[in-house]
Amino acid sequence: MKSKYACDMRGMLSFHMLWLLARKSMHGEEIAQEIGKRRGGKPAAGTIYPALKDLKNKNLIKGQKKGKIIIYSLTPEGRKTVKYALEYFCRCFGDIFKNR
């Protein structure tokens, strides 16, 4: 169940997915669970899988089928992209967290 305090982070989903995959390879449900822990509500499969497809089409991630599941990981281009995105995010929002 989505928390009433869940943050609507439209536009951040791809960034969040890339960041998670930079930490370790995961399957789609695992990605959804990790995002859910952090934002207060797990995104639906209808949100996660189209986003994964888009990242795959952009050559930022790749999928390897293991049985019935697909394990996603970053491509070299995906690693460059997440590094740049993290630097950009910190430049834009880093000062928000300094005095917490």
PDB file of N, CA and C in Angstrom:
ATOM      1  N   MET A   1       0.844  -1.187   0.000  1.00  0.00           N
ATOM      2  CA  MET A   1       0.000   0.000   0.000  1.00  0.00           C
ATOM      3  C   MET A   1       0.884   1.243   0.000  1.00  0.00           C
ATOM      4  N   LYS A   2       0.534   2.175  -0.821  1.00  0.00           N
ATOM      5  CA  LYS A   2       1.308   3.404  -0.940  1.00  0.00           C
ATOM      6  C   LYS A   2       1.058   4.306   0.265  1.00  0.00           C
ATOM      7  N   SER A   3       2.131   4.792   0.844  1.00  0.00           N
ATOM      8  CA  SER A   3       2.044   5.692   1.978  1.00  0.00           C
ATOM      9  C   SER A   3       1.493   7.045   1.535  1.00  0.00           C
ATOM     10  N   LYS A   4       0.740   7.706   2.415  1.00  0.00           N
ATOM     11  CA  LYS A   4       0.245   9.040   2.075  1.00  0.00           C
ATOM     12  C   LYS A   4       1.391  10.041   2.000  1.00  0.00           C
ATOM     13  N   TYR A   5       2.553   9.652   2.497  1.00  0.00           N
ATOM     14  CA  TYR A   5       3.732  10.516   2.444  1.00  0.00           C
ATOM     15  C   TYR A   5       4.655  10.171   1.275  1.00  0.00           C
ATOM     16  N   ALA A   6       4.254   9.216   0.443  1.00  0.00           N
ATOM     17  CA  ALA A   6       5.083   8.819  -0.701  1.00  0.00           C
ATOM     18  C   ALA A   6       5.311  10.020  -1.611  1.00  0.00           C
ATOM     19  N   CYS A   7       6.506  10.125  -2.062  1.00  0.00           N
ATOM     20  CA  CYS A   7       6.883  11.246  -2.925  1.00  0.00           C
ATOM     21  C   CYS A   7       6.640  10.875  -4.382  1.00  0.00           C
ATOM     22  N   ASP A   8       5.930  11.713  -5.095  1.00  0.00           N
ATOM     23  CA  ASP A   8       5.692  11.496  -6.521  1.00  0.00           C
ATOM     24  C   ASP A   8       6.935  11.982  -7.258  1.00  0.00           C
ATOM     25  N   MET A   9       7.728  11.036  -7.711  1.00  0.00           N
ATOM     26  CA  MET A   9       9.021  11.359  -8.308  1.00  0.00           C
ATOM     27  C   MET A   9       9.013  11.137  -9.813  1.00  0.00           C
ATOM     28  N   ARG A  10       7.958  11.561 -10.481  1.00  0.00           N
ATOM     29  CA  ARG A  10       7.917  11.425 -11.937  1.00  0.00           C
ATOM     30  C   ARG A  10       9.154  12.068 -12.536  1.00  0.00           C
ATOM     31  N   GLY A  11       9.717  11.405 -13.498  1.00  0.00           N
ATOM     32  CA  GLY A  11      10.933  11.904 -14.116  1.00  0.00           C
ATOM     33  C   GLY A  11      12.197  11.402 -13.448  1.00  0.00           C
ATOM     34  N   MET A  12      12.076  10.850 -12.255  1.00  0.00           N
ATOM     35  CA  MET A  12      13.239  10.336 -11.530  1.00  0.00           C
ATOM     36  C   MET A  12      13.359   8.818 -11.626  1.00  0.00           C
ATOM     37  N   LEU A  13      12.369   8.157 -12.192  1.00  0.00           N
ATOM     38  CA  LEU A  13      12.357   6.695 -12.202  1.00  0.00           C
ATOM     39  C   LEU A  13      13.568   6.125 -12.929  1.00  0.00           C
ATOM     40  N   SER A  14      13.867   6.613 -14.109  1.00  0.00           N
ATOM     41  CA  SER A  14      15.004   6.084 -14.870  1.00  0.00           C
ATOM     42  C   SER A  14      16.308   6.308 -14.122  1.00  0.00           C
ATOM     43  N   PHE A  15      16.481   7.492 -13.567  1.00  0.00           N
ATOM     44  CA  PHE A  15      17.672   7.790 -12.778  1.00  0.00           C
ATOM     45  C   PHE A  15      17.784   6.825 -11.602  1.00  0.00           C
ATOM     46  N   HIS A  16      16.695   6.614 -10.905  1.00  0.00           N
ATOM     47  CA  HIS A  16      16.692   5.730  -9.743  1.00  0.00           C
ATOM     48  C   HIS A  16      17.021   4.295 -10.150  1.00  0.00           C
ATOM     49  N   MET A  17      16.454   3.844 -11.260  1.00  0.00           N
ATOM     50  CA  MET A  17      16.723   2.489 -11.738  1.00  0.00           C
ATOM     51  C   MET A  17      18.192   2.335 -12.120  1.00  0.00           C
ATOM     52  N   LEU A  18      18.746   3.310 -12.817  1.00  0.00           N
ATOM     53  CA  LEU A  18      20.161   3.248 -13.187  1.00  0.00           C
ATOM     54  C   LEU A  18      21.047   3.240 -11.947  1.00  0.00           C
ATOM     55  N   TRP A  19      20.709   4.057 -10.971  1.00  0.00           N
ATOM     56  CA  TRP A  19      21.485   4.112  -9.731  1.00  0.00           C
ATOM     57  C   TRP A  19      21.464   2.762  -9.023  1.00  0.00           C
ATOM     58  N   LEU A  20      20.290   2.143  -8.937  1.00  0.00           N
ATOM     59  CA  LEU A  20      20.197   0.820  -8.305  1.00  0.00           C
ATOM     60  C   LEU A  20      21.022  -0.210  -9.061  1.00  0.00           C
ATOM     61  N   LEU A  21      20.937  -0.190 -10.385  1.00  0.00           N
ATOM     62  CA  LEU A  21      21.673  -1.163 -11.188  1.00  0.00           C
ATOM     63  C   LEU A  21      23.176  -0.899 -11.171  1.00  0.00           C
ATOM     64  N   ALA A  22      23.594   0.304 -10.844  1.00  0.00           N
ATOM     65  CA  ALA A  22      25.023   0.583 -10.678  1.00  0.00           C
ATOM     66  C   ALA A  22      25.549  -0.113  -9.427  1.00  0.00           C
ATOM     67  N   ARG A  23      24.674  -0.349  -8.474  1.00  0.00           N
ATOM     68  CA  ARG A  23      25.056  -1.012  -7.228  1.00  0.00           C
ATOM     69  C   ARG A  23      25.122  -2.521  -7.397  1.00  0.00           C
ATOM     70  N   LYS A  24      24.138  -3.085  -8.136  1.00  0.00           N
ATOM     71  CA  LYS A  24      24.140  -4.531  -8.400  1.00  0.00           C
ATOM     72  C   LYS A  24      23.113  -4.860  -9.465  1.00  0.00           C
ATOM     73  N   SER A  25      23.305  -5.978 -10.132  1.00  0.00           N
ATOM     74  CA  SER A  25      22.339  -6.450 -11.130  1.00  0.00           C
ATOM     75  C   SER A  25      21.087  -6.936 -10.409  1.00  0.00           C
ATOM     76  N   MET A  26      19.925  -6.717 -11.016  1.00  0.00           N
ATOM     77  CA  MET A  26      18.652  -7.076 -10.380  1.00  0.00           C
ATOM     78  C   MET A  26      17.622  -7.451 -11.425  1.00  0.00           C
ATOM     79  N   HIS A  27      16.584  -8.160 -10.976  1.00  0.00           N
ATOM     80  CA  HIS A  27      15.432  -8.413 -11.837  1.00  0.00           C
ATOM     81  C   HIS A  27      14.386  -7.335 -11.569  1.00  0.00           C
ATOM     82  N   GLY A  28      13.393  -7.257 -12.428  1.00  0.00           N
ATOM     83  CA  GLY A  28      12.410  -6.179 -12.373  1.00  0.00           C
ATOM     84  C   GLY A  28      11.678  -6.048 -11.052  1.00  0.00           C
ATOM     85  N   GLU A  29      11.247  -7.166 -10.481  1.00  0.00           N
ATOM     86  CA  GLU A  29      10.526  -7.121  -9.203  1.00  0.00           C
ATOM     87  C   GLU A  29      11.431  -6.613  -8.087  1.00  0.00           C
ATOM     88  N   GLU A  30      12.683  -7.017  -8.123  1.00  0.00           N
ATOM     89  CA  GLU A  30      13.644  -6.553  -7.118  1.00  0.00           C
ATOM     90  C   GLU A  30      13.854  -5.039  -7.224  1.00  0.00           C
ATOM     91  N   ILE A  31      13.926  -4.541  -8.441  1.00  0.00           N
ATOM     92  CA  ILE A  31      14.055  -3.092  -8.660  1.00  0.00           C
ATOM     93  C   ILE A  31      12.834  -2.377  -8.081  1.00  0.00           C
ATOM     94  N   ALA A  32      11.646  -2.899  -8.369  1.00  0.00           N
ATOM     95  CA  ALA A  32      10.408  -2.292  -7.858  1.00  0.00           C
ATOM     96  C   ALA A  32      10.390  -2.282  -6.332  1.00  0.00           C
ATOM     97  N   GLN A  33      10.828  -3.381  -5.709  1.00  0.00           N
ATOM     98  CA  GLN A  33      10.852  -3.451  -4.243  1.00  0.00           C
ATOM     99  C   GLN A  33      11.823  -2.431  -3.654  1.00  0.00           C
ATOM    100  N   GLU A  34      12.997  -2.317  -4.248  1.00  0.00           N
ATOM    101  CA  GLU A  34      13.991  -1.356  -3.752  1.00  0.00           C
ATOM    102  C   GLU A  34      13.489   0.081  -3.877  1.00  0.00           C
ATOM    103  N   ILE A  35      12.875   0.387  -4.995  1.00  0.00           N
ATOM    104  CA  ILE A  35      12.314   1.730  -5.175  1.00  0.00           C
ATOM    105  C   ILE A  35      11.201   1.956  -4.158  1.00  0.00           C
ATOM    106  N   GLY A  36      10.367   0.949  -3.955  1.00  0.00           N
ATOM    107  CA  GLY A  36       9.283   1.048  -2.985  1.00  0.00           C
ATOM    108  C   GLY A  36       9.767   1.337  -1.576  1.00  0.00           C
ATOM    109  N   LYS A  37      10.872   0.723  -1.176  1.00  0.00           N
ATOM    110  CA  LYS A  37      11.442   0.961   0.159  1.00  0.00           C
ATOM    111  C   LYS A  37      11.841   2.422   0.329  1.00  0.00           C
ATOM    112  N   ARG A  38      12.332   3.007  -0.727  1.00  0.00           N
ATOM    113  CA  ARG A  38      12.874   4.356  -0.636  1.00  0.00           C
ATOM    114  C   ARG A  38      11.823   5.448  -0.812  1.00  0.00           C
ATOM    115  N   ARG A  39      10.798   5.193  -1.578  1.00  0.00           N
ATOM    116  CA  ARG A  39       9.845   6.276  -1.853  1.00  0.00           C
ATOM    117  C   ARG A  39       8.496   6.093  -1.184  1.00  0.00           C
ATOM    118  N   GLY A  40       8.301   4.979  -0.487  1.00  0.00           N
ATOM    119  CA  GLY A  40       7.079   4.794   0.272  1.00  0.00           C
ATOM    120  C   GLY A  40       5.969   4.087  -0.466  1.00  0.00           C
ATOM    121  N   GLY A  41       6.191   3.637  -1.660  1.00  0.00           N
ATOM    122  CA  GLY A  41       5.192   2.891  -2.422  1.00  0.00           C
ATOM    123  C   GLY A  41       5.851   2.210  -3.603  1.00  0.00           C
ATOM    124  N   LYS A  42       5.606   0.919  -3.743  1.00  0.00           N
ATOM    125  CA  LYS A  42       6.233   0.155  -4.821  1.00  0.00           C
ATOM    126  C   LYS A  42       5.562   0.478  -6.144  1.00  0.00           C
ATOM    127  N   PRO A  43       6.339   0.835  -7.176  1.00  0.00           N
ATOM    128  CA  PRO A  43       5.747   1.097  -8.489  1.00  0.00           C
ATOM    129  C   PRO A  43       5.198  -0.187  -9.101  1.00  0.00           C
ATOM    130  N   ALA A  44       4.159  -0.053  -9.878  1.00  0.00           N
ATOM    131  CA  ALA A  44       3.506  -1.198 -10.519  1.00  0.00           C
ATOM    132  C   ALA A  44       4.376  -1.751 -11.643  1.00  0.00           C
ATOM    133  N   ALA A  45       4.131  -2.998 -11.982  1.00  0.00           N
ATOM    134  CA  ALA A  45       4.834  -3.634 -13.102  1.00  0.00           C
ATOM    135  C   ALA A  45       4.636  -2.829 -14.383  1.00  0.00           C
ATOM    136  N   GLY A  46       3.462  -2.239 -14.550  1.00  0.00           N
ATOM    137  CA  GLY A  46       3.164  -1.428 -15.729  1.00  0.00           C
ATOM    138  C   GLY A  46       3.954  -0.131 -15.781  1.00  0.00           C
ATOM    139  N   THR A  47       4.628   0.196 -14.698  1.00  0.00           N
ATOM    140  CA  THR A  47       5.526   1.345 -14.658  1.00  0.00           C
ATOM    141  C   THR A  47       6.971   0.892 -14.846  1.00  0.00           C
ATOM    142  N   ILE A  48       7.352  -0.158 -14.132  1.00  0.00           N
ATOM    143  CA  ILE A  48       8.740  -0.641 -14.129  1.00  0.00           C
ATOM    144  C   ILE A  48       9.169  -1.194 -15.483  1.00  0.00           C
ATOM    145  N   TYR A  49       8.370  -2.108 -16.044  1.00  0.00           N
ATOM    146  CA  TYR A  49       8.824  -2.805 -17.252  1.00  0.00           C
ATOM    147  C   TYR A  49       8.895  -1.915 -18.499  1.00  0.00           C
ATOM    148  N   PRO A  50       7.978  -0.982 -18.704  1.00  0.00           N
ATOM    149  CA  PRO A  50       8.179  -0.048 -19.827  1.00  0.00           C
ATOM    150  C   PRO A  50       9.440   0.815 -19.641  1.00  0.00           C
ATOM    151  N   ALA A  51       9.730   1.197 -18.395  1.00  0.00           N
ATOM    152  CA  ALA A  51      10.941   1.987 -18.133  1.00  0.00           C
ATOM    153  C   ALA A  51      12.191   1.155 -18.408  1.00  0.00           C
ATOM    154  N   LEU A  52      12.172  -0.121 -18.014  1.00  0.00           N
ATOM    155  CA  LEU A  52      13.300  -1.005 -18.312  1.00  0.00           C
ATOM    156  C   LEU A  52      13.480  -1.164 -19.818  1.00  0.00           C
ATOM    157  N   LYS A  53      12.367  -1.319 -20.529  1.00  0.00           N
ATOM    158  CA  LYS A  53      12.432  -1.455 -21.990  1.00  0.00           C
ATOM    159  C   LYS A  53      13.045  -0.205 -22.615  1.00  0.00           C
ATOM    160  N   ASP A  54      12.646   0.961 -22.130  1.00  0.00           N
ATOM    161  CA  ASP A  54      13.185   2.219 -22.647  1.00  0.00           C
ATOM    162  C   ASP A  54      14.690   2.315 -22.391  1.00  0.00           C
ATOM    163  N   LEU A  55      15.132   1.954 -21.188  1.00  0.00           N
ATOM    164  CA  LEU A  55      16.559   1.988 -20.869  1.00  0.00           C
ATOM    165  C   LEU A  55      17.334   0.991 -21.726  1.00  0.00           C
ATOM    166  N   LYS A  56      16.715  -0.147 -21.989  1.00  0.00           N
ATOM    167  CA  LYS A  56      17.353  -1.159 -22.843  1.00  0.00           C
ATOM    168  C   LYS A  56      17.451  -0.651 -24.281  1.00  0.00           C
ATOM    169  N   ASN A  57      16.392  -0.027 -24.782  1.00  0.00           N
ATOM    170  CA  ASN A  57      16.399   0.530 -26.141  1.00  0.00           C
ATOM    171  C   ASN A  57      17.439   1.642 -26.304  1.00  0.00           C
ATOM    172  N   LYS A  58      17.748   2.330 -25.216  1.00  0.00           N
ATOM    173  CA  LYS A  58      18.763   3.394 -25.239  1.00  0.00           C
ATOM    174  C   LYS A  58      20.172   2.842 -25.004  1.00  0.00           C
ATOM    175  N   ASN A  59      20.279   1.518 -24.907  1.00  0.00           N
ATOM    176  CA  ASN A  59      21.553   0.827 -24.682  1.00  0.00           C
ATOM    177  C   ASN A  59      22.204   1.210 -23.351  1.00  0.00           C
ATOM    178  N   LEU A  60      21.381   1.509 -22.344  1.00  0.00           N
ATOM    179  CA  LEU A  60      21.904   1.841 -21.025  1.00  0.00           C
ATOM    180  C   LEU A  60      21.921   0.629 -20.109  1.00  0.00           C
ATOM    181  N   ILE A  61      21.051  -0.342 -20.391  1.00  0.00           N
ATOM    182  CA  ILE A  61      21.026  -1.586 -19.629  1.00  0.00           C
ATOM    183  C   ILE A  61      20.928  -2.755 -20.598  1.00  0.00           C
ATOM    184  N   LYS A  62      21.248  -3.928 -20.083  1.00  0.00           N
ATOM    185  CA  LYS A  62      21.064  -5.167 -20.847  1.00  0.00           C
ATOM    186  C   LYS A  62      20.393  -6.166 -19.921  1.00  0.00           C
ATOM    187  N   GLY A  63      19.725  -7.129 -20.511  1.00  0.00           N
ATOM    188  CA  GLY A  63      19.046  -8.154 -19.734  1.00  0.00           C
ATOM    189  C   GLY A  63      19.553  -9.529 -20.108  1.00  0.00           C
ATOM    190  N   GLN A  64      19.720 -10.368 -19.088  1.00  0.00           N
ATOM    191  CA  GLN A  64      20.127 -11.744 -19.323  1.00  0.00           C
ATOM    192  C   GLN A  64      19.088 -12.653 -18.687  1.00  0.00           C
ATOM    193  N   LYS A  65      18.500 -13.503 -19.507  1.00  0.00           N
ATOM    194  CA  LYS A  65      17.442 -14.389 -19.037  1.00  0.00           C
ATOM    195  C   LYS A  65      18.041 -15.523 -18.214  1.00  0.00           C
ATOM    196  N   LYS A  66      17.492 -15.718 -17.021  1.00  0.00           N
ATOM    197  CA  LYS A  66      17.873 -16.827 -16.148  1.00  0.00           C
ATOM    198  C   LYS A  66      16.587 -17.515 -15.720  1.00  0.00           C
ATOM    199  N   GLY A  67      16.282 -18.613 -16.379  1.00  0.00           N
ATOM    200  CA  GLY A  67      15.013 -19.278 -16.116  1.00  0.00           C
ATOM    201  C   GLY A  67      13.877 -18.406 -16.601  1.00  0.00           C
ATOM    202  N   LYS A  68      12.949 -18.100 -15.694  1.00  0.00           N
ATOM    203  CA  LYS A  68      11.785 -17.285 -16.061  1.00  0.00           C
ATOM    204  C   LYS A  68      11.995 -15.797 -15.824  1.00  0.00           C
ATOM    205  N   ILE A  69      13.125 -15.429 -15.251  1.00  0.00           N
ATOM    206  CA  ILE A  69      13.345 -14.009 -14.953  1.00  0.00           C
ATOM    207  C   ILE A  69      14.468 -13.441 -15.815  1.00  0.00           C
ATOM    208  N   ILE A  70      14.479 -12.128 -15.918  1.00  0.00           N
ATOM    209  CA  ILE A  70      15.542 -11.423 -16.638  1.00  0.00           C
ATOM    210  C   ILE A  70      16.306 -10.589 -15.612  1.00  0.00           C
ATOM    211  N   ILE A  71      17.612 -10.797 -15.578  1.00  0.00           N
ATOM    212  CA  ILE A  71      18.481 -10.028 -14.693  1.00  0.00           C
ATOM    213  C   ILE A  71      19.038  -8.859 -15.504  1.00  0.00           C
ATOM    214  N   TYR A  72      18.808  -7.650 -15.003  1.00  0.00           N
ATOM    215  CA  TYR A  72      19.244  -6.440 -15.692  1.00  0.00           C
ATOM    216  C   TYR A  72      20.548  -5.927 -15.084  1.00  0.00           C
ATOM    217  N   SER A  73      21.405  -5.403 -15.942  1.00  0.00           N
ATOM    218  CA  SER A  73      22.660  -4.793 -15.506  1.00  0.00           C
ATOM    219  C   SER A  73      22.983  -3.631 -16.443  1.00  0.00           C
ATOM    220  N   LEU A  74      23.885  -2.779 -15.994  1.00  0.00           N
ATOM    221  CA  LEU A  74      24.271  -1.623 -16.799  1.00  0.00           C
ATOM    222  C   LEU A  74      25.213  -2.030 -17.924  1.00  0.00           C
ATOM    223  N   THR A  75      25.090  -1.359 -19.039  1.00  0.00           N
ATOM    224  CA  THR A  75      26.062  -1.467 -20.125  1.00  0.00           C
ATOM    225  C   THR A  75      27.176  -0.453 -19.825  1.00  0.00           C
ATOM    226  N   PRO A  76      28.281  -0.495 -20.559  1.00  0.00           N
ATOM    227  CA  PRO A  76      29.299   0.550 -20.372  1.00  0.00           C
ATOM    228  C   PRO A  76      28.722   1.964 -20.567  1.00  0.00           C
ATOM    229  N   GLU A  77      27.840   2.122 -21.545  1.00  0.00           N
ATOM    230  CA  GLU A  77      27.185   3.425 -21.759  1.00  0.00           C
ATOM    231  C   GLU A  77      26.297   3.787 -20.569  1.00  0.00           C
ATOM    232  N   GLY A  78      25.637   2.799 -19.988  1.00  0.00           N
ATOM    233  CA  GLY A  78      24.811   3.021 -18.806  1.00  0.00           C
ATOM    234  C   GLY A  78      25.644   3.471 -17.617  1.00  0.00           C
ATOM    235  N   ARG A  79      26.831   2.889 -17.458  1.00  0.00           N
ATOM    236  CA  ARG A  79      27.737   3.291 -16.368  1.00  0.00           C
ATOM    237  C   ARG A  79      28.166   4.753 -16.532  1.00  0.00           C
ATOM    238  N   LYS A  80      28.490   5.145 -17.751  1.00  0.00           N
ATOM    239  CA  LYS A  80      28.863   6.542 -18.015  1.00  0.00           C
ATOM    240  C   LYS A  80      27.688   7.466 -17.716  1.00  0.00           C
ATOM    241  N   THR A  81      26.503   7.037 -18.134  1.00  0.00           N
ATOM    242  CA  THR A  81      25.304   7.857 -17.955  1.00  0.00           C
ATOM    243  C   THR A  81      24.976   8.048 -16.488  1.00  0.00           C
ATOM    244  N   VAL A  82      25.027   6.984 -15.695  1.00  0.00           N
ATOM    245  CA  VAL A  82      24.692   7.110 -14.277  1.00  0.00           C
ATOM    246  C   VAL A  82      25.747   7.954 -13.558  1.00  0.00           C
ATOM    247  N   LYS A  83      26.998   7.848 -13.946  1.00  0.00           N
ATOM    248  CA  LYS A  83      28.053   8.683 -13.349  1.00  0.00           C
ATOM    249  C   LYS A  83      27.765  10.161 -13.624  1.00  0.00           C
ATOM    250  N   TYR A  84      27.457  10.480 -14.872  1.00  0.00           N
ATOM    251  CA  TYR A  84      27.137  11.859 -15.230  1.00  0.00           C
ATOM    252  C   TYR A  84      25.876  12.331 -14.496  1.00  0.00           C
ATOM    253  N   ALA A  85      24.851  11.484 -14.454  1.00  0.00           N
ATOM    254  CA  ALA A  85      23.586  11.855 -13.807  1.00  0.00           C
ATOM    255  C   ALA A  85      23.790  12.115 -12.316  1.00  0.00           C
ATOM    256  N   LEU A  86      24.619  11.307 -11.656  1.00  0.00           N
ATOM    257  CA  LEU A  86      24.891  11.515 -10.230  1.00  0.00           C
ATOM    258  C   LEU A  86      25.625  12.837 -10.001  1.00  0.00           C
ATOM    259  N   GLU A  87      26.601  13.128 -10.852  1.00  0.00           N
ATOM    260  CA  GLU A  87      27.319  14.401 -10.738  1.00  0.00           C
ATOM    261  C   GLU A  87      26.362  15.579 -10.933  1.00  0.00           C
ATOM    262  N   TYR A  88      25.495  15.466 -11.916  1.00  0.00           N
ATOM    263  CA  TYR A  88      24.523  16.521 -12.203  1.00  0.00           C
ATOM    264  C   TYR A  88      23.551  16.689 -11.031  1.00  0.00           C
ATOM    265  N   PHE A  89      23.045  15.568 -10.508  1.00  0.00           N
ATOM    266  CA  PHE A  89      22.112  15.599  -9.383  1.00  0.00           C
ATOM    267  C   PHE A  89      22.765  16.280  -8.179  1.00  0.00           C
ATOM    268  N   CYS A  90      23.998  15.897  -7.867  1.00  0.00           N
ATOM    269  CA  CYS A  90      24.697  16.493  -6.727  1.00  0.00           C
ATOM    270  C   CYS A  90      24.937  17.983  -6.931  1.00  0.00           C
ATOM    271  N   ARG A  91      25.260  18.372  -8.151  1.00  0.00           N
ATOM    272  CA  ARG A  91      25.464  19.789  -8.461  1.00  0.00           C
ATOM    273  C   ARG A  91      24.166  20.574  -8.255  1.00  0.00           C
ATOM    274  N   CYS A  92      23.061  19.987  -8.673  1.00  0.00           N
ATOM    275  CA  CYS A  92      21.766  20.683  -8.590  1.00  0.00           C
ATOM    276  C   CYS A  92      21.162  20.664  -7.195  1.00  0.00           C
ATOM    277  N   PHE A  93      21.296  19.532  -6.495  1.00  0.00           N
ATOM    278  CA  PHE A  93      20.556  19.351  -5.246  1.00  0.00           C
ATOM    279  C   PHE A  93      21.422  19.094  -4.024  1.00  0.00           C
ATOM    280  N   GLY A  94      22.726  18.987  -4.190  1.00  0.00           N
ATOM    281  CA  GLY A  94      23.609  18.627  -3.083  1.00  0.00           C
ATOM    282  C   GLY A  94      23.493  19.528  -1.877  1.00  0.00           C
ATOM    283  N   ASP A  95      23.333  20.819  -2.086  1.00  0.00           N
ATOM    284  CA  ASP A  95      23.259  21.747  -0.957  1.00  0.00           C
ATOM    285  C   ASP A  95      21.998  21.559  -0.122  1.00  0.00           C
ATOM    286  N   ILE A  96      20.995  20.927  -0.663  1.00  0.00           N
ATOM    287  CA  ILE A  96      19.761  20.658   0.091  1.00  0.00           C
ATOM    288  C   ILE A  96      20.055  19.756   1.282  1.00  0.00           C
ATOM    289  N   PHE A  97      21.014  18.848   1.133  1.00  0.00           N
ATOM    290  CA  PHE A  97      21.282  17.834   2.148  1.00  0.00           C
ATOM    291  C   PHE A  97      22.390  18.222   3.120  1.00  0.00           C
ATOM    292  N   LYS A  98      23.075  19.321   2.898  1.00  0.00           N
ATOM    293  CA  LYS A  98      24.219  19.700   3.723  1.00  0.00           C
ATOM    294  C   LYS A  98      23.854  19.971   5.176  1.00  0.00           C
ATOM    295  N   ASN A  99      22.760  20.646   5.431  1.00  0.00           N
ATOM    296  CA  ASN A  99      22.401  21.057   6.794  1.00  0.00           C
ATOM    297  C   ASN A  99      21.258  20.255   7.386  1.00  0.00           C
ATOM    298  N   ARG A 100      21.086  19.047   6.953  1.00  0.00           N
ATOM    299  CA  ARG A 100      19.995  18.210   7.485  1.00  0.00           C
ATOM    300  C   ARG A 100      20.294  17.729   8.852  1.00  0.00           C
TER     301      ARG A 100
END
